[in-house]
Amino acid sequence: MKNLNEIVYNWSYALLDLAKEENKLHDITSQVVEIEKVIKANKEYLRYLNTYSVAFETKSKLIDEAFSKFNKYVVNFIKLAIQANVAKYLLIIFKKYIEMANKELNIKHGTIYTTTKLTAAEIAKFEKKLSNRLKTEVHLVNQIDENLIAGIKIKVEDYIFENSIEAYLDNFQKQSSN
């Protein structure tokens, strides 16, 4: 059997190539993200898809029912993964695909650290500002940081934007030691 990295890369790249060829990269990526969340929340479903005791036809019907609203290429991709006995790697394959697709789509993901939970509208405002500043589409996830006294800290890949009391105190301490 091929090594895991090769399997993951080949399958991820195959889906990416298909999505680009069909000019549906954004749509298919959104759907893969949604399916990944569903599978993560229902790991027993993934175990079921991997079992040899259930016929492929039965699994195929269940996939058609469960993912009927999704693009036929994504649904068929899952079926092919079952037939090739790589369904157990679907989460890893989808993660790698999303990473490759985001790079292709120029999308960056980051975390916004706050002392309290932000609303979706507040997060969207930060995403818009950062997207303009970084000249790329930015998606943020809110995370509570109990070490923050007040303010926010945003990390997007290697970029860190901080507007917190902690940052002001650090800056003040550096200036006073000079």
N, C-alpha and C. Protein backbone atom coordinates (compact mmCIF):
# COMPACT_ATOMS: atom_id res chain seq x y z
N MET A 1 0.84 -1.19 0.00
CA MET A 1 0.00 0.00 0.00
C MET A 1 0.88 1.25 0.00
N LYS A 2 0.42 2.25 -0.69
CA LYS A 2 1.15 3.52 -0.74
C LYS A 2 1.19 4.14 0.65
N ASN A 3 2.13 5.04 0.86
CA ASN A 3 2.16 5.67 2.17
C ASN A 3 1.01 6.68 2.27
N LEU A 4 0.63 6.97 3.50
CA LEU A 4 -0.54 7.80 3.78
C LEU A 4 -0.45 9.18 3.13
N ASN A 5 0.72 9.82 3.22
CA ASN A 5 0.87 11.16 2.63
C ASN A 5 0.59 11.15 1.13
N GLU A 6 1.05 10.12 0.46
CA GLU A 6 0.84 10.01 -0.98
C GLU A 6 -0.64 9.81 -1.30
N ILE A 7 -1.30 8.97 -0.52
CA ILE A 7 -2.74 8.74 -0.72
C ILE A 7 -3.51 10.04 -0.52
N VAL A 8 -3.25 10.71 0.59
CA VAL A 8 -3.95 11.96 0.91
C VAL A 8 -3.71 13.01 -0.17
N TYR A 9 -2.47 13.19 -0.55
CA TYR A 9 -2.15 14.19 -1.57
C TYR A 9 -2.83 13.86 -2.90
N ASN A 10 -2.71 12.62 -3.35
CA ASN A 10 -3.29 12.24 -4.64
C ASN A 10 -4.80 12.43 -4.68
N TRP A 11 -5.48 12.00 -3.63
CA TRP A 11 -6.93 12.15 -3.60
C TRP A 11 -7.34 13.63 -3.47
N SER A 12 -6.64 14.36 -2.64
CA SER A 12 -6.95 15.79 -2.47
C SER A 12 -6.73 16.54 -3.77
N TYR A 13 -5.61 16.26 -4.39
CA TYR A 13 -5.28 16.94 -5.65
C TYR A 13 -6.28 16.57 -6.75
N ALA A 14 -6.72 15.31 -6.77
CA ALA A 14 -7.69 14.88 -7.79
C ALA A 14 -8.99 15.67 -7.64
N LEU A 15 -9.46 15.85 -6.41
CA LEU A 15 -10.68 16.62 -6.20
C LEU A 15 -10.46 18.09 -6.54
N LEU A 16 -9.31 18.63 -6.18
CA LEU A 16 -8.98 20.02 -6.50
C LEU A 16 -8.95 20.22 -8.01
N ASP A 17 -8.30 19.32 -8.70
CA ASP A 17 -8.20 19.40 -10.15
C ASP A 17 -9.59 19.35 -10.80
N LEU A 18 -10.44 18.46 -10.32
CA LEU A 18 -11.80 18.36 -10.84
C LEU A 18 -12.59 19.64 -10.59
N ALA A 19 -12.48 20.17 -9.39
CA ALA A 19 -13.20 21.41 -9.04
C ALA A 19 -12.75 22.57 -9.92
N LYS A 20 -11.45 22.67 -10.16
CA LYS A 20 -10.94 23.74 -11.03
C LYS A 20 -11.39 23.53 -12.46
N GLU A 21 -11.32 22.30 -12.94
CA GLU A 21 -11.70 21.98 -14.32
C GLU A 21 -13.17 22.31 -14.57
N GLU A 22 -14.01 22.10 -13.57
CA GLU A 22 -15.44 22.37 -13.71
C GLU A 22 -15.81 23.81 -13.33
N ASN A 23 -14.81 24.63 -13.01
CA ASN A 23 -15.04 26.02 -12.57
C ASN A 23 -15.99 26.10 -11.38
N LYS A 24 -15.82 25.18 -10.45
CA LYS A 24 -16.68 25.12 -9.26
C LYS A 24 -15.84 25.05 -7.98
N LEU A 25 -14.65 25.62 -8.04
CA LEU A 25 -13.74 25.51 -6.92
C LEU A 25 -14.33 26.07 -5.63
N HIS A 26 -14.92 27.25 -5.70
CA HIS A 26 -15.48 27.87 -4.49
C HIS A 26 -16.64 27.06 -3.96
N ASP A 27 -17.56 26.65 -4.84
CA ASP A 27 -18.74 25.89 -4.42
C ASP A 27 -18.36 24.54 -3.82
N ILE A 28 -17.50 23.81 -4.51
CA ILE A 28 -17.10 22.50 -4.03
C ILE A 28 -16.34 22.62 -2.71
N THR A 29 -15.51 23.63 -2.58
CA THR A 29 -14.77 23.82 -1.33
C THR A 29 -15.72 24.10 -0.18
N SER A 30 -16.72 24.94 -0.41
CA SER A 30 -17.72 25.21 0.64
C SER A 30 -18.43 23.94 1.06
N GLN A 31 -18.75 23.11 0.08
CA GLN A 31 -19.45 21.85 0.38
C GLN A 31 -18.55 20.87 1.12
N VAL A 32 -17.30 20.81 0.73
CA VAL A 32 -16.35 19.92 1.42
C VAL A 32 -16.18 20.35 2.87
N VAL A 33 -16.13 21.67 3.11
CA VAL A 33 -16.03 22.17 4.48
C VAL A 33 -17.25 21.72 5.28
N GLU A 34 -18.42 21.83 4.69
CA GLU A 34 -19.66 21.43 5.37
C GLU A 34 -19.67 19.92 5.64
N ILE A 35 -19.29 19.13 4.65
CA ILE A 35 -19.27 17.67 4.82
C ILE A 35 -18.24 17.28 5.88
N GLU A 36 -17.09 17.95 5.87
CA GLU A 36 -16.07 17.66 6.87
C GLU A 36 -16.62 17.87 8.28
N LYS A 37 -17.37 18.96 8.48
CA LYS A 37 -17.97 19.23 9.79
C LYS A 37 -18.96 18.13 10.17
N VAL A 38 -19.76 17.69 9.20
CA VAL A 38 -20.75 16.64 9.45
C VAL A 38 -20.06 15.34 9.85
N ILE A 39 -19.02 14.99 9.11
CA ILE A 39 -18.30 13.74 9.40
C ILE A 39 -17.58 13.82 10.75
N LYS A 40 -16.99 14.98 11.05
CA LYS A 40 -16.33 15.13 12.35
C LYS A 40 -17.32 14.95 13.50
N ALA A 41 -18.54 15.47 13.30
CA ALA A 41 -19.56 15.38 14.35
C ALA A 41 -20.17 13.98 14.43
N ASN A 42 -20.03 13.19 13.36
CA ASN A 42 -20.63 11.86 13.30
C ASN A 42 -19.58 10.83 12.87
N LYS A 43 -18.59 10.63 13.72
CA LYS A 43 -17.49 9.72 13.35
C LYS A 43 -17.96 8.29 13.15
N GLU A 44 -19.08 7.92 13.77
CA GLU A 44 -19.60 6.57 13.57
C GLU A 44 -20.05 6.37 12.12
N TYR A 45 -20.45 7.44 11.47
CA TYR A 45 -20.83 7.37 10.05
C TYR A 45 -19.62 7.01 9.20
N LEU A 46 -18.50 7.61 9.50
CA LEU A 46 -17.25 7.30 8.79
C LEU A 46 -16.84 5.85 9.03
N ARG A 47 -17.01 5.38 10.26
CA ARG A 47 -16.71 3.97 10.56
C ARG A 47 -17.62 3.05 9.75
N TYR A 48 -18.88 3.45 9.62
CA TYR A 48 -19.84 2.66 8.85
C TYR A 48 -19.42 2.59 7.38
N LEU A 49 -18.97 3.71 6.84
CA LEU A 49 -18.53 3.73 5.44
C LEU A 49 -17.30 2.85 5.22
N ASN A 50 -16.53 2.63 6.27
CA ASN A 50 -15.31 1.82 6.17
C ASN A 50 -15.52 0.34 6.39
N THR A 51 -16.68 -0.03 6.89
CA THR A 51 -16.90 -1.44 7.20
C THR A 51 -17.02 -2.28 5.94
N TYR A 52 -16.51 -3.49 6.03
CA TYR A 52 -16.59 -4.42 4.90
C TYR A 52 -17.85 -5.28 4.96
N SER A 53 -18.57 -5.21 6.08
CA SER A 53 -19.75 -6.06 6.26
C SER A 53 -21.00 -5.51 5.57
N VAL A 54 -20.92 -4.28 5.06
CA VAL A 54 -22.06 -3.68 4.37
C VAL A 54 -21.70 -3.53 2.89
N ALA A 55 -22.63 -3.94 2.04
CA ALA A 55 -22.39 -3.89 0.59
C ALA A 55 -22.23 -2.45 0.11
N PHE A 56 -21.40 -2.28 -0.92
CA PHE A 56 -21.17 -0.94 -1.48
C PHE A 56 -22.48 -0.30 -1.93
N GLU A 57 -23.38 -1.08 -2.53
CA GLU A 57 -24.66 -0.54 -3.03
C GLU A 57 -25.47 0.07 -1.89
N THR A 58 -25.45 -0.56 -0.74
CA THR A 58 -26.16 -0.03 0.43
C THR A 58 -25.53 1.28 0.88
N LYS A 59 -24.21 1.29 0.96
CA LYS A 59 -23.50 2.52 1.35
C LYS A 59 -23.77 3.63 0.33
N SER A 60 -23.76 3.27 -0.94
CA SER A 60 -23.98 4.24 -2.02
C SER A 60 -25.35 4.90 -1.89
N LYS A 61 -26.36 4.11 -1.60
CA LYS A 61 -27.72 4.67 -1.41
C LYS A 61 -27.76 5.61 -0.22
N LEU A 62 -27.11 5.22 0.86
CA LEU A 62 -27.08 6.08 2.06
C LEU A 62 -26.35 7.39 1.78
N ILE A 63 -25.29 7.33 1.02
CA ILE A 63 -24.55 8.54 0.66
C ILE A 63 -25.42 9.45 -0.20
N ASP A 64 -26.13 8.85 -1.16
CA ASP A 64 -27.03 9.64 -2.00
C ASP A 64 -28.09 10.34 -1.17
N GLU A 65 -28.64 9.64 -0.17
CA GLU A 65 -29.66 10.23 0.70
C GLU A 65 -29.07 11.31 1.60
N ALA A 66 -27.94 11.00 2.22
CA ALA A 66 -27.34 11.93 3.18
C ALA A 66 -26.81 13.21 2.52
N PHE A 67 -26.29 13.07 1.29
CA PHE A 67 -25.64 14.20 0.65
C PHE A 67 -26.33 14.61 -0.65
N SER A 68 -27.65 14.43 -0.71
CA SER A 68 -28.40 14.72 -1.94
C SER A 68 -28.31 16.18 -2.37
N LYS A 69 -28.13 17.08 -1.43
CA LYS A 69 -28.09 18.51 -1.78
C LYS A 69 -26.70 18.97 -2.28
N PHE A 70 -25.72 18.07 -2.22
CA PHE A 70 -24.36 18.43 -2.59
C PHE A 70 -24.06 18.14 -4.05
N ASN A 71 -23.03 18.78 -4.54
CA ASN A 71 -22.57 18.61 -5.91
C ASN A 71 -22.31 17.14 -6.21
N LYS A 72 -22.70 16.71 -7.40
CA LYS A 72 -22.55 15.29 -7.76
C LYS A 72 -21.09 14.85 -7.74
N TYR A 73 -20.18 15.77 -8.02
CA TYR A 73 -18.76 15.41 -8.02
C TYR A 73 -18.28 15.07 -6.61
N VAL A 74 -18.76 15.80 -5.63
CA VAL A 74 -18.37 15.55 -4.24
C VAL A 74 -18.96 14.21 -3.78
N VAL A 75 -20.22 13.98 -4.11
CA VAL A 75 -20.89 12.73 -3.74
C VAL A 75 -20.17 11.54 -4.39
N ASN A 76 -19.88 11.65 -5.67
CA ASN A 76 -19.18 10.57 -6.37
C ASN A 76 -17.76 10.38 -5.85
N PHE A 77 -17.14 11.46 -5.42
CA PHE A 77 -15.79 11.38 -4.83
C PHE A 77 -15.83 10.51 -3.58
N ILE A 78 -16.83 10.71 -2.74
CA ILE A 78 -16.97 9.92 -1.52
C ILE A 78 -17.19 8.45 -1.87
N LYS A 79 -18.02 8.20 -2.87
CA LYS A 79 -18.27 6.82 -3.30
C LYS A 79 -17.00 6.17 -3.84
N LEU A 80 -16.23 6.91 -4.61
CA LEU A 80 -14.96 6.38 -5.12
C LEU A 80 -13.99 6.06 -3.98
N ALA A 81 -13.98 6.91 -2.98
CA ALA A 81 -13.11 6.69 -1.82
C ALA A 81 -13.49 5.39 -1.12
N ILE A 82 -14.78 5.10 -1.05
CA ILE A 82 -15.24 3.85 -0.44
C ILE A 82 -14.79 2.66 -1.28
N GLN A 83 -15.01 2.77 -2.59
CA GLN A 83 -14.62 1.67 -3.48
C GLN A 83 -13.12 1.41 -3.44
N ALA A 84 -12.33 2.45 -3.29
CA ALA A 84 -10.87 2.30 -3.27
C ALA A 84 -10.33 2.00 -1.86
N ASN A 85 -11.25 1.82 -0.91
CA ASN A 85 -10.88 1.53 0.48
C ASN A 85 -10.02 2.61 1.13
N VAL A 86 -10.29 3.87 0.79
CA VAL A 86 -9.59 4.99 1.44
C VAL A 86 -10.56 5.90 2.19
N ALA A 87 -11.80 5.46 2.36
CA ALA A 87 -12.79 6.28 3.06
C ALA A 87 -12.36 6.60 4.49
N LYS A 88 -11.58 5.71 5.09
CA LYS A 88 -11.12 5.97 6.46
C LYS A 88 -10.24 7.22 6.54
N TYR A 89 -9.72 7.65 5.39
CA TYR A 89 -8.87 8.85 5.34
C TYR A 89 -9.61 10.09 4.87
N LEU A 90 -10.92 10.00 4.71
CA LEU A 90 -11.67 11.13 4.15
C LEU A 90 -11.45 12.44 4.90
N LEU A 91 -11.44 12.40 6.23
CA LEU A 91 -11.22 13.64 6.97
C LEU A 91 -9.86 14.26 6.67
N ILE A 92 -8.84 13.43 6.57
CA ILE A 92 -7.50 13.93 6.26
C ILE A 92 -7.45 14.43 4.82
N ILE A 93 -8.09 13.70 3.92
CA ILE A 93 -8.14 14.09 2.51
C ILE A 93 -8.86 15.42 2.37
N PHE A 94 -10.00 15.56 3.04
CA PHE A 94 -10.76 16.81 2.97
C PHE A 94 -9.98 17.97 3.57
N LYS A 95 -9.29 17.72 4.67
CA LYS A 95 -8.49 18.78 5.28
C LYS A 95 -7.41 19.27 4.32
N LYS A 96 -6.71 18.34 3.69
CA LYS A 96 -5.66 18.71 2.73
C LYS A 96 -6.28 19.41 1.52
N TYR A 97 -7.41 18.92 1.04
CA TYR A 97 -8.09 19.57 -0.09
C TYR A 97 -8.44 21.02 0.26
N ILE A 98 -9.01 21.23 1.42
CA ILE A 98 -9.41 22.58 1.85
C ILE A 98 -8.19 23.49 1.91
N GLU A 99 -7.10 22.98 2.44
CA GLU A 99 -5.85 23.75 2.50
C GLU A 99 -5.38 24.14 1.09
N MET A 100 -5.39 23.18 0.18
CA MET A 100 -4.95 23.45 -1.19
C MET A 100 -5.91 24.40 -1.91
N ALA A 101 -7.21 24.20 -1.71
CA ALA A 101 -8.22 25.04 -2.36
C ALA A 101 -8.15 26.47 -1.83
N ASN A 102 -7.97 26.62 -0.51
CA ASN A 102 -7.85 27.96 0.06
C ASN A 102 -6.65 28.70 -0.49
N LYS A 103 -5.57 27.99 -0.69
CA LYS A 103 -4.39 28.62 -1.29
C LYS A 103 -4.71 29.07 -2.71
N GLU A 104 -5.39 28.22 -3.45
CA GLU A 104 -5.77 28.53 -4.83
C GLU A 104 -6.75 29.71 -4.88
N LEU A 105 -7.67 29.76 -3.90
CA LEU A 105 -8.68 30.82 -3.85
C LEU A 105 -8.18 32.08 -3.13
N ASN A 106 -6.96 32.03 -2.60
CA ASN A 106 -6.38 33.14 -1.85
C ASN A 106 -7.22 33.46 -0.60
N ILE A 107 -7.54 32.43 0.13
CA ILE A 107 -8.30 32.56 1.38
C ILE A 107 -7.38 32.21 2.53
N LYS A 108 -7.39 33.05 3.56
CA LYS A 108 -6.60 32.80 4.75
C LYS A 108 -7.53 32.68 5.96
N HIS A 109 -7.15 31.82 6.87
CA HIS A 109 -7.94 31.61 8.09
C HIS A 109 -7.14 32.10 9.28
N GLY A 110 -7.87 32.61 10.25
CA GLY A 110 -7.22 33.10 11.45
C GLY A 110 -8.11 33.02 12.65
N THR A 111 -7.58 33.49 13.77
CA THR A 111 -8.30 33.46 15.03
C THR A 111 -8.33 34.86 15.60
N ILE A 112 -9.49 35.25 16.11
CA ILE A 112 -9.61 36.53 16.81
C ILE A 112 -9.83 36.21 18.28
N TYR A 113 -8.87 36.61 19.09
CA TYR A 113 -8.91 36.34 20.52
C TYR A 113 -9.55 37.54 21.22
N THR A 114 -10.53 37.27 22.06
CA THR A 114 -11.23 38.33 22.79
C THR A 114 -11.49 37.86 24.22
N THR A 115 -11.99 38.79 25.03
CA THR A 115 -12.33 38.44 26.41
C THR A 115 -13.77 37.94 26.50
N THR A 116 -14.60 38.31 25.52
CA THR A 116 -15.99 37.84 25.47
C THR A 116 -16.30 37.38 24.05
N LYS A 117 -17.32 36.58 23.92
CA LYS A 117 -17.70 36.04 22.61
C LYS A 117 -18.23 37.17 21.72
N LEU A 118 -17.77 37.16 20.45
CA LEU A 118 -18.23 38.14 19.48
C LEU A 118 -19.42 37.59 18.70
N THR A 119 -20.25 38.51 18.19
CA THR A 119 -21.36 38.10 17.33
C THR A 119 -20.82 37.85 15.92
N ALA A 120 -21.61 37.19 15.11
CA ALA A 120 -21.22 36.92 13.72
C ALA A 120 -21.01 38.24 12.97
N ALA A 121 -21.83 39.25 13.25
CA ALA A 121 -21.70 40.55 12.59
C ALA A 121 -20.39 41.23 12.97
N GLU A 122 -20.01 41.13 14.24
CA GLU A 122 -18.74 41.73 14.68
C GLU A 122 -17.55 41.04 14.03
N ILE A 123 -17.60 39.72 13.97
CA ILE A 123 -16.53 38.96 13.32
C ILE A 123 -16.45 39.35 11.85
N ALA A 124 -17.60 39.49 11.21
CA ALA A 124 -17.64 39.85 9.78
C ALA A 124 -16.98 41.21 9.54
N LYS A 125 -17.15 42.16 10.45
CA LYS A 125 -16.51 43.47 10.31
C LYS A 125 -14.99 43.34 10.35
N PHE A 126 -14.50 42.54 11.28
CA PHE A 126 -13.05 42.33 11.37
C PHE A 126 -12.54 41.61 10.12
N GLU A 127 -13.30 40.63 9.64
CA GLU A 127 -12.90 39.90 8.43
C GLU A 127 -12.79 40.85 7.24
N LYS A 128 -13.75 41.75 7.13
CA LYS A 128 -13.75 42.69 6.01
C LYS A 128 -12.53 43.62 6.09
N LYS A 129 -12.27 44.17 7.27
CA LYS A 129 -11.13 45.07 7.43
C LYS A 129 -9.81 44.36 7.15
N LEU A 130 -9.67 43.15 7.67
CA LEU A 130 -8.43 42.40 7.44
C LEU A 130 -8.30 41.97 5.98
N SER A 131 -9.41 41.62 5.36
CA SER A 131 -9.37 41.24 3.94
C SER A 131 -8.85 42.38 3.10
N ASN A 132 -9.32 43.59 3.39
CA ASN A 132 -8.84 44.77 2.67
C ASN A 132 -7.36 45.04 2.96
N ARG A 133 -6.98 44.90 4.20
CA ARG A 133 -5.60 45.19 4.59
C ARG A 133 -4.61 44.18 4.02
N LEU A 134 -5.00 42.89 4.04
CA LEU A 134 -4.10 41.84 3.58
C LEU A 134 -4.28 41.50 2.10
N LYS A 135 -5.27 42.13 1.46
CA LYS A 135 -5.55 41.90 0.04
C LYS A 135 -5.82 40.42 -0.24
N THR A 136 -6.59 39.81 0.63
CA THR A 136 -6.99 38.41 0.50
C THR A 136 -8.28 38.22 1.29
N GLU A 137 -9.01 37.18 0.99
CA GLU A 137 -10.23 36.88 1.75
C GLU A 137 -9.80 36.25 3.08
N VAL A 138 -10.32 36.79 4.18
CA VAL A 138 -9.95 36.31 5.51
C VAL A 138 -11.20 35.77 6.22
N HIS A 139 -11.05 34.60 6.83
CA HIS A 139 -12.10 34.00 7.65
C HIS A 139 -11.56 33.85 9.06
N LEU A 140 -12.32 34.34 10.03
CA LEU A 140 -11.88 34.31 11.42
C LEU A 140 -12.78 33.44 12.29
N VAL A 141 -12.15 32.84 13.28
CA VAL A 141 -12.87 32.09 14.31
C VAL A 141 -12.59 32.80 15.62
N ASN A 142 -13.65 33.02 16.40
CA ASN A 142 -13.51 33.70 17.68
C ASN A 142 -13.11 32.70 18.76
N GLN A 143 -12.11 33.10 19.55
CA GLN A 143 -11.68 32.26 20.67
C GLN A 143 -11.49 33.15 21.88
N ILE A 144 -12.00 32.72 23.01
CA ILE A 144 -11.86 33.47 24.26
C ILE A 144 -10.45 33.24 24.80
N ASP A 145 -9.79 34.35 25.14
CA ASP A 145 -8.44 34.28 25.73
C ASP A 145 -8.51 34.93 27.11
N GLU A 146 -8.45 34.10 28.12
CA GLU A 146 -8.56 34.60 29.50
C GLU A 146 -7.34 35.38 29.94
N ASN A 147 -6.25 35.31 29.17
CA ASN A 147 -5.06 36.08 29.50
C ASN A 147 -5.17 37.53 29.07
N LEU A 148 -6.09 37.82 28.14
CA LEU A 148 -6.31 39.21 27.73
C LEU A 148 -7.03 39.96 28.85
N ILE A 149 -6.56 41.14 29.12
CA ILE A 149 -7.24 41.96 30.12
C ILE A 149 -8.42 42.66 29.45
N ALA A 150 -8.17 43.22 28.29
CA ALA A 150 -9.20 43.87 27.48
C ALA A 150 -8.64 44.02 26.07
N GLY A 151 -9.53 44.24 25.11
CA GLY A 151 -9.08 44.42 23.74
C GLY A 151 -9.15 43.13 22.94
N ILE A 152 -8.43 43.12 21.82
CA ILE A 152 -8.45 41.96 20.93
C ILE A 152 -7.04 41.63 20.45
N LYS A 153 -6.91 40.41 19.96
CA LYS A 153 -5.67 39.97 19.32
C LYS A 153 -6.12 39.08 18.16
N ILE A 154 -5.60 39.38 16.98
CA ILE A 154 -5.97 38.62 15.79
C ILE A 154 -4.71 38.00 15.20
N LYS A 155 -4.79 36.70 14.92
CA LYS A 155 -3.67 36.00 14.30
C LYS A 155 -4.16 35.36 13.01
N VAL A 156 -3.53 35.76 11.89
CA VAL A 156 -3.81 35.20 10.58
C VAL A 156 -2.48 34.77 10.01
N GLU A 157 -2.24 33.45 10.00
CA GLU A 157 -0.96 32.89 9.59
C GLU A 157 0.17 33.56 10.36
N ASP A 158 1.10 34.25 9.70
CA ASP A 158 2.22 34.88 10.38
C ASP A 158 1.92 36.30 10.87
N TYR A 159 0.76 36.81 10.54
CA TYR A 159 0.40 38.18 10.92
C TYR A 159 -0.29 38.18 12.28
N ILE A 160 0.12 39.13 13.11
CA ILE A 160 -0.54 39.31 14.41
C ILE A 160 -0.91 40.78 14.54
N PHE A 161 -2.19 41.01 14.78
CA PHE A 161 -2.71 42.35 14.99
C PHE A 161 -3.23 42.38 16.42
N GLU A 162 -2.67 43.31 17.21
CA GLU A 162 -3.05 43.32 18.61
C GLU A 162 -3.40 44.72 19.06
N ASN A 163 -4.55 44.82 19.68
CA ASN A 163 -5.01 46.07 20.26
C ASN A 163 -5.56 45.71 21.64
N SER A 164 -4.62 45.48 22.56
CA SER A 164 -5.03 45.06 23.90
C SER A 164 -4.23 45.82 24.94
N ILE A 165 -4.72 45.80 26.14
CA ILE A 165 -4.01 46.45 27.24
C ILE A 165 -2.65 45.79 27.43
N GLU A 166 -2.62 44.46 27.26
CA GLU A 166 -1.36 43.72 27.39
C GLU A 166 -0.32 44.25 26.39
N ALA A 167 -0.74 44.51 25.16
CA ALA A 167 0.18 45.03 24.14
C ALA A 167 0.66 46.44 24.52
N TYR A 168 -0.27 47.26 25.01
CA TYR A 168 0.11 48.62 25.43
C TYR A 168 1.11 48.56 26.59
N LEU A 169 0.88 47.67 27.55
CA LEU A 169 1.79 47.56 28.70
C LEU A 169 3.16 47.06 28.25
N ASP A 170 3.18 46.08 27.35
CA ASP A 170 4.46 45.59 26.82
C ASP A 170 5.22 46.69 26.11
N ASN A 171 4.51 47.45 25.29
CA ASN A 171 5.12 48.55 24.55
C ASN A 171 5.63 49.63 25.52
N PHE A 172 4.84 49.94 26.54
CA PHE A 172 5.22 50.94 27.52
C PHE A 172 6.49 50.47 28.27
N GLN A 173 6.55 49.20 28.62
CA GLN A 173 7.69 48.66 29.33
C GLN A 173 8.95 48.73 28.47
N LYS A 174 8.84 48.44 27.18
CA LYS A 174 9.97 48.51 26.27
C LYS A 174 10.48 49.94 26.16
N GLN A 175 9.54 50.91 26.05
CA GLN A 175 9.92 52.31 25.92
C GLN A 175 10.57 52.85 27.19
N SER A 176 10.07 52.42 28.37
CA SER A 176 10.64 52.93 29.61
C SER A 176 12.00 52.33 29.92
N SER A 177 12.30 51.16 29.35
CA SER A 177 13.61 50.57 29.61
C SER A 177 14.68 51.19 28.70
N ASN A 178 14.29 51.96 27.72
CA ASN A 178 15.27 52.62 26.83
C ASN A 178 15.77 53.86 27.41
